[in-house]
All heavy atoms as atom14 arrays in JSON, in Angstrom:
{
  "sequence": "EHVKLLIGYGANVNERAMGRFFLPEDQKKRKTKETDYDGYAYYG",
  "atom14_mask": [
    [1, 1, 1, 1, 1, 1, 1, 1, 1, 0, 0, 0, 0, 0],
    [1, 1, 1, 1, 1, 1, 1, 1, 1, 1, 0, 0, 0, 0],
    [1, 1, 1, 1, 1, 1, 1, 0, 0, 0, 0, 0, 0, 0],
    [1, 1, 1, 1, 1, 1, 1, 1, 1, 0, 0, 0, 0, 0],
    [1, 1, 1, 1, 1, 1, 1, 1, 0, 0, 0, 0, 0, 0],
    [1, 1, 1, 1, 1, 1, 1, 1, 0, 0, 0, 0, 0, 0],
    [1, 1, 1, 1, 1, 1, 1, 1, 0, 0, 0, 0, 0, 0],
    [1, 1, 1, 1, 0, 0, 0, 0, 0, 0, 0, 0, 0, 0],
    [1, 1, 1, 1, 1, 1, 1, 1, 1, 1, 1, 1, 0, 0],
    [1, 1, 1, 1, 0, 0, 0, 0, 0, 0, 0, 0, 0, 0],
    [1, 1, 1, 1, 1, 0, 0, 0, 0, 0, 0, 0, 0, 0],
    [1, 1, 1, 1, 1, 1, 1, 1, 0, 0, 0, 0, 0, 0],
    [1, 1, 1, 1, 1, 1, 1, 0, 0, 0, 0, 0, 0, 0],
    [1, 1, 1, 1, 1, 1, 1, 1, 0, 0, 0, 0, 0, 0],
    [1, 1, 1, 1, 1, 1, 1, 1, 1, 0, 0, 0, 0, 0],
    [1, 1, 1, 1, 1, 1, 1, 1, 1, 1, 1, 0, 0, 0],
    [1, 1, 1, 1, 1, 0, 0, 0, 0, 0, 0, 0, 0, 0],
    [1, 1, 1, 1, 1, 1, 1, 1, 0, 0, 0, 0, 0, 0],
    [1, 1, 1, 1, 0, 0, 0, 0, 0, 0, 0, 0, 0, 0],
    [1, 1, 1, 1, 1, 1, 1, 1, 1, 1, 1, 0, 0, 0],
    [1, 1, 1, 1, 1, 1, 1, 1, 1, 1, 1, 0, 0, 0],
    [1, 1, 1, 1, 1, 1, 1, 1, 1, 1, 1, 0, 0, 0],
    [1, 1, 1, 1, 1, 1, 1, 1, 0, 0, 0, 0, 0, 0],
    [1, 1, 1, 1, 1, 1, 1, 0, 0, 0, 0, 0, 0, 0],
    [1, 1, 1, 1, 1, 1, 1, 1, 1, 0, 0, 0, 0, 0],
    [1, 1, 1, 1, 1, 1, 1, 1, 0, 0, 0, 0, 0, 0],
    [1, 1, 1, 1, 1, 1, 1, 1, 1, 0, 0, 0, 0, 0],
    [1, 1, 1, 1, 1, 1, 1, 1, 1, 0, 0, 0, 0, 0],
    [1, 1, 1, 1, 1, 1, 1, 1, 1, 0, 0, 0, 0, 0],
    [1, 1, 1, 1, 1, 1, 1, 1, 1, 1, 1, 0, 0, 0],
    [1, 1, 1, 1, 1, 1, 1, 1, 1, 0, 0, 0, 0, 0],
    [1, 1, 1, 1, 1, 1, 1, 0, 0, 0, 0, 0, 0, 0],
    [1, 1, 1, 1, 1, 1, 1, 1, 1, 0, 0, 0, 0, 0],
    [1, 1, 1, 1, 1, 1, 1, 1, 1, 0, 0, 0, 0, 0],
    [1, 1, 1, 1, 1, 1, 1, 0, 0, 0, 0, 0, 0, 0],
    [1, 1, 1, 1, 1, 1, 1, 1, 0, 0, 0, 0, 0, 0],
    [1, 1, 1, 1, 1, 1, 1, 1, 1, 1, 1, 1, 0, 0],
    [1, 1, 1, 1, 1, 1, 1, 1, 0, 0, 0, 0, 0, 0],
    [1, 1, 1, 1, 0, 0, 0, 0, 0, 0, 0, 0, 0, 0],
    [1, 1, 1, 1, 1, 1, 1, 1, 1, 1, 1, 1, 0, 0],
    [1, 1, 1, 1, 1, 0, 0, 0, 0, 0, 0, 0, 0, 0],
    [1, 1, 1, 1, 1, 1, 1, 1, 1, 1, 1, 1, 0, 0],
    [1, 1, 1, 1, 1, 1, 1, 1, 1, 1, 1, 1, 0, 0],
    [1, 1, 1, 1, 0, 0, 0, 0, 0, 0, 0, 0, 0, 0]
  ],
  "atom14_positions": [
    [[195.5, 289.34, 311.53], [195.74, 287.89, 311.24], [194.62, 287.05, 311.81], [194.09, 286.15, 311.13], [197.09, 287.47, 311.84], [197.34, 285.97, 311.67], [198.55, 285.49, 312.45], [199.29, 286.32, 313.05], [198.73, 284.26, 312.53], [0.0, 0.0, 0.0], [0.0, 0.0, 0.0], [0.0, 0.0, 0.0], [0.0, 0.0, 0.0], [0.0, 0.0, 0.0]],
    [[194.26, 287.3, 313.04], [193.24, 286.45, 313.66], [191.81, 286.85, 313.26], [190.92, 286.0, 313.28], [193.41, 286.48, 315.19], [194.48, 285.52, 315.65], [194.2, 284.21, 316.03], [195.82, 285.63, 315.68], [195.31, 283.59, 316.35], [196.33, 284.43, 316.11], [0.0, 0.0, 0.0], [0.0, 0.0, 0.0], [0.0, 0.0, 0.0], [0.0, 0.0, 0.0]],
    [[191.63, 288.08, 312.82], [190.34, 288.43, 312.23], [190.15, 287.59, 310.97], [189.07, 287.0, 310.74], [190.3, 289.94, 311.89], [189.1, 290.27, 310.99], [190.22, 290.77, 313.17], [0.0, 0.0, 0.0], [0.0, 0.0, 0.0], [0.0, 0.0, 0.0], [0.0, 0.0, 0.0], [0.0, 0.0, 0.0], [0.0, 0.0, 0.0], [0.0, 0.0, 0.0]],
    [[191.18, 287.49, 310.16], [191.1, 286.68, 308.95], [190.89, 285.21, 309.28], [190.1, 284.5, 308.61], [192.39, 286.88, 308.09], [192.53, 288.23, 307.48], [193.82, 288.33, 306.66], [193.95, 289.66, 305.98], [195.22, 289.74, 305.17], [0.0, 0.0, 0.0], [0.0, 0.0, 0.0], [0.0, 0.0, 0.0], [0.0, 0.0, 0.0], [0.0, 0.0, 0.0]],
    [[191.6, 284.75, 310.3], [191.51, 283.32, 310.68], [190.11, 283.0, 311.14], [189.51, 282.0, 310.68], [192.53, 283.04, 311.8], [192.61, 281.6, 312.27], [193.27, 280.74, 311.2], [193.39, 281.5, 313.58], [0.0, 0.0, 0.0], [0.0, 0.0, 0.0], [0.0, 0.0, 0.0], [0.0, 0.0, 0.0], [0.0, 0.0, 0.0], [0.0, 0.0, 0.0]],
    [[189.54, 283.79, 312.01], [188.25, 283.53, 312.57], [187.16, 283.57, 311.5], [186.29, 282.71, 311.45], [187.93, 284.56, 313.69], [188.69, 284.34, 314.99], [188.7, 285.61, 315.84], [188.13, 283.16, 315.77], [0.0, 0.0, 0.0], [0.0, 0.0, 0.0], [0.0, 0.0, 0.0], [0.0, 0.0, 0.0], [0.0, 0.0, 0.0], [0.0, 0.0, 0.0]],
    [[187.23, 284.56, 310.63], [186.24, 284.64, 309.56], [186.4, 283.51, 308.58], [185.42, 282.98, 308.07], [186.32, 286.03, 308.86], [185.88, 287.14, 309.81], [185.49, 286.07, 307.58], [186.0, 288.54, 309.28], [0.0, 0.0, 0.0], [0.0, 0.0, 0.0], [0.0, 0.0, 0.0], [0.0, 0.0, 0.0], [0.0, 0.0, 0.0], [0.0, 0.0, 0.0]],
    [[187.63, 283.08, 308.37], [187.87, 281.95, 307.52], [187.24, 280.67, 308.04], [186.85, 279.78, 307.27], [0.0, 0.0, 0.0], [0.0, 0.0, 0.0], [0.0, 0.0, 0.0], [0.0, 0.0, 0.0], [0.0, 0.0, 0.0], [0.0, 0.0, 0.0], [0.0, 0.0, 0.0], [0.0, 0.0, 0.0], [0.0, 0.0, 0.0], [0.0, 0.0, 0.0]],
    [[187.1, 280.59, 309.36], [186.48, 279.43, 309.98], [185.0, 279.64, 310.24], [184.34, 278.79, 310.85], [187.18, 279.1, 311.29], [188.43, 278.26, 311.14], [189.69, 278.82, 311.18], [188.34, 276.87, 310.93], [190.83, 278.07, 311.02], [189.47, 276.11, 310.79], [190.71, 276.7, 310.84], [191.85, 275.92, 310.68], [0.0, 0.0, 0.0], [0.0, 0.0, 0.0]],
    [[184.44, 280.75, 309.75], [183.01, 280.93, 309.79], [182.47, 281.9, 310.82], [181.25, 281.94, 311.04], [0.0, 0.0, 0.0], [0.0, 0.0, 0.0], [0.0, 0.0, 0.0], [0.0, 0.0, 0.0], [0.0, 0.0, 0.0], [0.0, 0.0, 0.0], [0.0, 0.0, 0.0], [0.0, 0.0, 0.0], [0.0, 0.0, 0.0], [0.0, 0.0, 0.0]],
    [[183.34, 282.68, 311.48], [182.85, 283.63, 312.45], [181.84, 284.6, 311.82], [182.0, 284.98, 310.64], [184.0, 284.44, 313.05], [0.0, 0.0, 0.0], [0.0, 0.0, 0.0], [0.0, 0.0, 0.0], [0.0, 0.0, 0.0], [0.0, 0.0, 0.0], [0.0, 0.0, 0.0], [0.0, 0.0, 0.0], [0.0, 0.0, 0.0], [0.0, 0.0, 0.0]],
    [[180.83, 284.97, 312.56], [179.77, 285.86, 312.07], [180.25, 287.31, 312.02], [180.48, 287.9, 313.09], [178.55, 285.72, 312.96], [177.37, 286.54, 312.49], [177.45, 287.25, 311.47], [176.26, 286.48, 313.19], [0.0, 0.0, 0.0], [0.0, 0.0, 0.0], [0.0, 0.0, 0.0], [0.0, 0.0, 0.0], [0.0, 0.0, 0.0], [0.0, 0.0, 0.0]],
    [[180.4, 287.89, 310.85], [180.93, 289.25, 310.72], [179.92, 290.27, 311.22], [180.24, 291.44, 311.4], [181.3, 289.62, 309.26], [182.43, 288.7, 308.79], [180.11, 289.51, 308.33], [0.0, 0.0, 0.0], [0.0, 0.0, 0.0], [0.0, 0.0, 0.0], [0.0, 0.0, 0.0], [0.0, 0.0, 0.0], [0.0, 0.0, 0.0], [0.0, 0.0, 0.0]],
    [[178.65, 289.84, 311.45], [177.63, 290.75, 311.94], [177.12, 290.4, 313.33], [175.99, 290.75, 313.72], [176.45, 290.83, 310.95], [176.84, 291.54, 309.65], [177.5, 292.56, 309.66], [176.4, 291.02, 308.54], [0.0, 0.0, 0.0], [0.0, 0.0, 0.0], [0.0, 0.0, 0.0], [0.0, 0.0, 0.0], [0.0, 0.0, 0.0], [0.0, 0.0, 0.0]],
    [[177.98, 289.69, 314.09], [177.6, 289.35, 315.47], [177.53, 290.63, 316.29], [178.33, 291.54, 316.1], [178.64, 288.42, 316.1], [178.19, 287.72, 317.35], [177.01, 286.76, 317.04], [177.27, 285.68, 316.5], [175.88, 287.14, 317.38], [0.0, 0.0, 0.0], [0.0, 0.0, 0.0], [0.0, 0.0, 0.0], [0.0, 0.0, 0.0], [0.0, 0.0, 0.0]],
    [[176.57, 290.69, 317.19], [176.35, 291.94, 317.96], [176.69, 291.73, 319.44], [176.13, 290.88, 320.09], [174.9, 292.4, 317.81], [174.52, 292.73, 316.39], [173.03, 293.0, 316.25], [172.61, 294.2, 316.97], [171.37, 294.61, 317.03], [170.41, 293.94, 316.43], [171.06, 295.72, 317.69], [0.0, 0.0, 0.0], [0.0, 0.0, 0.0], [0.0, 0.0, 0.0]],
    [[177.58, 292.56, 319.94], [177.9, 292.58, 321.36], [176.92, 293.5, 322.08], [177.09, 294.74, 322.1], [179.33, 293.07, 321.57], [0.0, 0.0, 0.0], [0.0, 0.0, 0.0], [0.0, 0.0, 0.0], [0.0, 0.0, 0.0], [0.0, 0.0, 0.0], [0.0, 0.0, 0.0], [0.0, 0.0, 0.0], [0.0, 0.0, 0.0], [0.0, 0.0, 0.0]],
    [[175.85, 292.93, 322.62], [174.75, 293.7, 323.17], [174.68, 293.72, 324.68], [173.77, 294.32, 325.25], [173.42, 293.15, 322.58], [173.28, 293.28, 321.08], [171.69, 292.56, 320.48], [172.07, 290.82, 320.55], [0.0, 0.0, 0.0], [0.0, 0.0, 0.0], [0.0, 0.0, 0.0], [0.0, 0.0, 0.0], [0.0, 0.0, 0.0], [0.0, 0.0, 0.0]],
    [[175.59, 293.03, 325.35], [175.52, 292.96, 326.79], [175.63, 294.32, 327.49], [176.0, 295.3, 326.88], [0.0, 0.0, 0.0], [0.0, 0.0, 0.0], [0.0, 0.0, 0.0], [0.0, 0.0, 0.0], [0.0, 0.0, 0.0], [0.0, 0.0, 0.0], [0.0, 0.0, 0.0], [0.0, 0.0, 0.0], [0.0, 0.0, 0.0], [0.0, 0.0, 0.0]],
    [[175.28, 294.32, 328.79], [175.26, 295.58, 329.53], [176.6, 296.31, 329.52], [176.66, 297.53, 329.52], [174.85, 295.3, 330.99], [173.39, 294.99, 331.19], [173.03, 295.03, 332.65], [173.75, 294.03, 333.41], [173.31, 292.79, 333.64], [172.14, 292.42, 333.16], [174.03, 291.95, 334.36], [0.0, 0.0, 0.0], [0.0, 0.0, 0.0], [0.0, 0.0, 0.0]],
    [[177.67, 295.53, 329.52], [179.01, 296.14, 329.48], [179.23, 297.08, 328.32], [179.96, 298.05, 328.42], [180.06, 295.02, 329.49], [181.51, 295.49, 329.52], [182.07, 295.83, 330.72], [182.25, 295.63, 328.35], [183.41, 296.27, 330.77], [183.55, 296.09, 328.39], [184.13, 296.38, 329.6], [0.0, 0.0, 0.0], [0.0, 0.0, 0.0], [0.0, 0.0, 0.0]],
    [[178.55, 296.82, 327.23], [178.75, 297.57, 326.0], [177.8, 298.73, 325.83], [177.78, 299.4, 324.79], [178.64, 296.64, 324.79], [179.62, 295.47, 324.83], [179.19, 294.2, 325.23], [180.94, 295.68, 324.58], [180.07, 293.15, 325.3], [181.87, 294.63, 324.65], [181.41, 293.35, 325.04], [0.0, 0.0, 0.0], [0.0, 0.0, 0.0], [0.0, 0.0, 0.0]],
    [[176.98, 299.0, 326.84], [176.02, 300.12, 326.75], [176.63, 301.44, 327.19], [177.59, 301.48, 327.97], [174.82, 299.8, 327.65], [173.95, 298.6, 327.25], [172.88, 298.4, 328.36], [173.27, 298.81, 325.9], [0.0, 0.0, 0.0], [0.0, 0.0, 0.0], [0.0, 0.0, 0.0], [0.0, 0.0, 0.0], [0.0, 0.0, 0.0], [0.0, 0.0, 0.0]],
    [[176.05, 302.54, 326.75], [176.41, 303.82, 327.35], [176.13, 303.77, 328.85], [175.21, 303.09, 329.28], [175.46, 304.81, 326.65], [175.15, 304.15, 325.35], [175.07, 302.69, 325.66], [0.0, 0.0, 0.0], [0.0, 0.0, 0.0], [0.0, 0.0, 0.0], [0.0, 0.0, 0.0], [0.0, 0.0, 0.0], [0.0, 0.0, 0.0], [0.0, 0.0, 0.0]],
    [[176.92, 304.48, 329.63], [176.8, 304.39, 331.08], [175.39, 304.76, 331.59], [174.89, 304.16, 332.52], [177.84, 305.28, 331.76], [179.27, 304.89, 331.5], [179.53, 303.45, 331.94], [179.25, 303.11, 333.09], [179.97, 302.66, 331.1], [0.0, 0.0, 0.0], [0.0, 0.0, 0.0], [0.0, 0.0, 0.0], [0.0, 0.0, 0.0], [0.0, 0.0, 0.0]],
    [[174.75, 305.73, 330.95], [173.44, 306.16, 331.43], [172.31, 305.23, 331.05], [171.13, 305.48, 331.34], [173.14, 307.59, 330.99], [173.08, 307.74, 329.47], [173.05, 306.73, 328.74], [173.09, 308.9, 328.97], [0.0, 0.0, 0.0], [0.0, 0.0, 0.0], [0.0, 0.0, 0.0], [0.0, 0.0, 0.0], [0.0, 0.0, 0.0], [0.0, 0.0, 0.0]],
    [[172.65, 304.12, 330.37], [171.64, 303.13, 329.95], [171.79, 301.81, 330.66], [170.99, 300.89, 330.41], [171.74, 302.91, 328.43], [171.55, 304.15, 327.59], [170.14, 304.7, 327.7], [169.15, 304.06, 327.33], [170.02, 305.92, 328.22], [0.0, 0.0, 0.0], [0.0, 0.0, 0.0], [0.0, 0.0, 0.0], [0.0, 0.0, 0.0], [0.0, 0.0, 0.0]],
    [[172.76, 301.65, 331.49], [173.07, 300.33, 332.07], [172.05, 299.85, 333.09], [171.89, 298.65, 333.28], [174.48, 300.31, 332.63], [175.52, 300.31, 331.51], [176.93, 300.22, 332.02], [177.91, 300.1, 330.84], [179.3, 300.03, 331.26], [0.0, 0.0, 0.0], [0.0, 0.0, 0.0], [0.0, 0.0, 0.0], [0.0, 0.0, 0.0], [0.0, 0.0, 0.0]],
    [[171.37, 300.76, 333.74], [170.34, 300.37, 334.7], [168.98, 300.23, 334.06], [168.2, 299.36, 334.36], [170.29, 301.38, 335.85], [171.53, 301.3, 336.73], [171.4, 302.23, 337.95], [172.64, 302.14, 338.83], [172.55, 303.03, 340.02], [0.0, 0.0, 0.0], [0.0, 0.0, 0.0], [0.0, 0.0, 0.0], [0.0, 0.0, 0.0], [0.0, 0.0, 0.0]],
    [[168.67, 301.13, 333.1], [167.41, 301.03, 332.39], [167.47, 301.9, 331.15], [168.24, 302.86, 331.09], [166.23, 301.52, 333.25], [166.29, 302.96, 333.68], [165.17, 303.29, 334.64], [165.24, 304.69, 335.08], [164.73, 305.71, 334.45], [164.08, 305.51, 333.3], [164.83, 306.95, 334.89], [0.0, 0.0, 0.0], [0.0, 0.0, 0.0], [0.0, 0.0, 0.0]],
    [[166.68, 301.56, 330.16], [166.66, 302.31, 328.91], [165.86, 303.6, 329.1], [164.8, 303.6, 329.67], [166.01, 301.49, 327.79], [166.1, 302.13, 326.42], [165.57, 301.19, 325.34], [165.76, 301.83, 323.97], [165.26, 300.95, 322.87], [0.0, 0.0, 0.0], [0.0, 0.0, 0.0], [0.0, 0.0, 0.0], [0.0, 0.0, 0.0], [0.0, 0.0, 0.0]],
    [[166.48, 304.69, 328.62], [165.82, 305.99, 328.73], [165.69, 306.58, 327.3], [166.38, 306.14, 326.38], [166.61, 306.96, 329.62], [167.92, 307.15, 329.09], [166.71, 306.4, 331.02], [0.0, 0.0, 0.0], [0.0, 0.0, 0.0], [0.0, 0.0, 0.0], [0.0, 0.0, 0.0], [0.0, 0.0, 0.0], [0.0, 0.0, 0.0], [0.0, 0.0, 0.0]],
    [[164.83, 307.6, 327.22], [164.62, 308.18, 325.9], [165.86, 308.95, 325.39], [166.13, 309.01, 324.2], [163.43, 309.13, 325.93], [162.11, 308.42, 326.08], [160.93, 309.4, 326.03], [159.58, 308.68, 326.13], [158.44, 309.62, 326.08], [0.0, 0.0, 0.0], [0.0, 0.0, 0.0], [0.0, 0.0, 0.0], [0.0, 0.0, 0.0], [0.0, 0.0, 0.0]],
    [[166.58, 309.56, 326.32], [167.71, 310.36, 325.92], [169.0, 309.73, 326.48], [169.03, 309.12, 327.54], [167.6, 311.76, 326.52], [166.46, 312.6, 325.93], [166.67, 312.93, 324.49], [167.83, 313.1, 324.05], [165.67, 313.0, 323.76], [0.0, 0.0, 0.0], [0.0, 0.0, 0.0], [0.0, 0.0, 0.0], [0.0, 0.0, 0.0], [0.0, 0.0, 0.0]],
    [[170.08, 309.82, 325.73], [171.37, 309.33, 326.14], [172.48, 310.2, 325.54], [172.28, 310.79, 324.47], [171.61, 307.85, 325.71], [172.94, 307.47, 326.05], [171.43, 307.69, 324.22], [0.0, 0.0, 0.0], [0.0, 0.0, 0.0], [0.0, 0.0, 0.0], [0.0, 0.0, 0.0], [0.0, 0.0, 0.0], [0.0, 0.0, 0.0], [0.0, 0.0, 0.0]],
    [[173.59, 310.27, 326.21], [174.74, 311.0, 325.65], [175.73, 310.05, 324.92], [176.75, 310.47, 324.45], [175.47, 311.78, 326.76], [175.98, 310.86, 327.86], [175.94, 309.61, 327.71], [176.43, 311.41, 328.9], [0.0, 0.0, 0.0], [0.0, 0.0, 0.0], [0.0, 0.0, 0.0], [0.0, 0.0, 0.0], [0.0, 0.0, 0.0], [0.0, 0.0, 0.0]],
    [[175.37, 308.76, 324.88], [176.13, 307.73, 324.18], [177.53, 307.54, 324.76], [178.37, 306.88, 324.18], [176.24, 308.02, 322.68], [174.93, 308.23, 322.0], [174.5, 309.52, 321.63], [174.08, 307.16, 321.76], [173.27, 309.72, 321.02], [172.84, 307.35, 321.14], [172.44, 308.64, 320.77], [171.23, 308.82, 320.18], [0.0, 0.0, 0.0], [0.0, 0.0, 0.0]],
    [[177.78, 308.05, 325.94], [179.11, 307.97, 326.55], [179.21, 306.67, 327.35], [178.49, 306.45, 328.27], [179.34, 309.15, 327.49], [180.75, 309.14, 328.09], [181.65, 308.62, 327.47], [180.88, 309.64, 329.22], [0.0, 0.0, 0.0], [0.0, 0.0, 0.0], [0.0, 0.0, 0.0], [0.0, 0.0, 0.0], [0.0, 0.0, 0.0], [0.0, 0.0, 0.0]],
    [[180.14, 305.8, 326.91], [180.34, 304.55, 327.62], [181.74, 304.05, 327.47], [182.45, 304.34, 326.49], [0.0, 0.0, 0.0], [0.0, 0.0, 0.0], [0.0, 0.0, 0.0], [0.0, 0.0, 0.0], [0.0, 0.0, 0.0], [0.0, 0.0, 0.0], [0.0, 0.0, 0.0], [0.0, 0.0, 0.0], [0.0, 0.0, 0.0], [0.0, 0.0, 0.0]],
    [[182.23, 303.28, 328.45], [183.61, 302.8, 328.45], [183.81, 301.79, 327.3], [184.92, 301.65, 326.79], [183.92, 302.09, 329.77], [183.85, 303.02, 330.96], [182.84, 302.91, 331.9], [184.83, 304.03, 331.12], [182.79, 303.78, 333.0], [184.78, 304.86, 332.22], [183.76, 304.76, 333.14], [183.7, 305.58, 334.21], [0.0, 0.0, 0.0], [0.0, 0.0, 0.0]],
    [[182.74, 301.13, 326.89], [182.88, 300.1, 325.83], [181.71, 300.14, 324.86], [181.31, 299.11, 324.32], [183.03, 298.74, 326.45], [0.0, 0.0, 0.0], [0.0, 0.0, 0.0], [0.0, 0.0, 0.0], [0.0, 0.0, 0.0], [0.0, 0.0, 0.0], [0.0, 0.0, 0.0], [0.0, 0.0, 0.0], [0.0, 0.0, 0.0], [0.0, 0.0, 0.0]],
    [[181.11, 301.32, 324.66], [180.07, 301.42, 323.67], [180.69, 301.67, 322.31], [181.13, 302.79, 322.01], [179.07, 302.53, 324.02], [178.01, 302.73, 322.96], [177.32, 301.62, 322.41], [177.75, 304.0, 322.44], [176.38, 301.81, 321.41], [176.81, 304.17, 321.44], [176.11, 303.07, 320.95], [175.2, 303.23, 319.95], [0.0, 0.0, 0.0], [0.0, 0.0, 0.0]],
    [[180.75, 300.62, 321.47], [181.38, 300.71, 320.16], [180.46, 300.29, 319.04], [180.92, 299.94, 317.95], [182.66, 299.84, 320.14], [183.66, 300.23, 321.19], [184.14, 299.28, 322.07], [184.15, 301.54, 321.31], [185.09, 299.6, 323.07], [185.08, 301.86, 322.28], [185.55, 300.88, 323.17], [186.45, 301.24, 324.13], [0.0, 0.0, 0.0], [0.0, 0.0, 0.0]],
    [[179.16, 300.28, 319.28], [178.22, 300.08, 318.19], [177.85, 298.63, 317.91], [177.26, 298.33, 316.88], [0.0, 0.0, 0.0], [0.0, 0.0, 0.0], [0.0, 0.0, 0.0], [0.0, 0.0, 0.0], [0.0, 0.0, 0.0], [0.0, 0.0, 0.0], [0.0, 0.0, 0.0], [0.0, 0.0, 0.0], [0.0, 0.0, 0.0], [0.0, 0.0, 0.0]]
  ]
}
């Protein structure tokens, strides 16, 4: 219901949650070449 409401009012359907909280755990201090993509809130 609220997804529809927010988009109806102009919410950006392609907004990106890029903050540190949303990173894999092994990337939160610095970016590395390899990652296991495991994170408490890494959802793309």
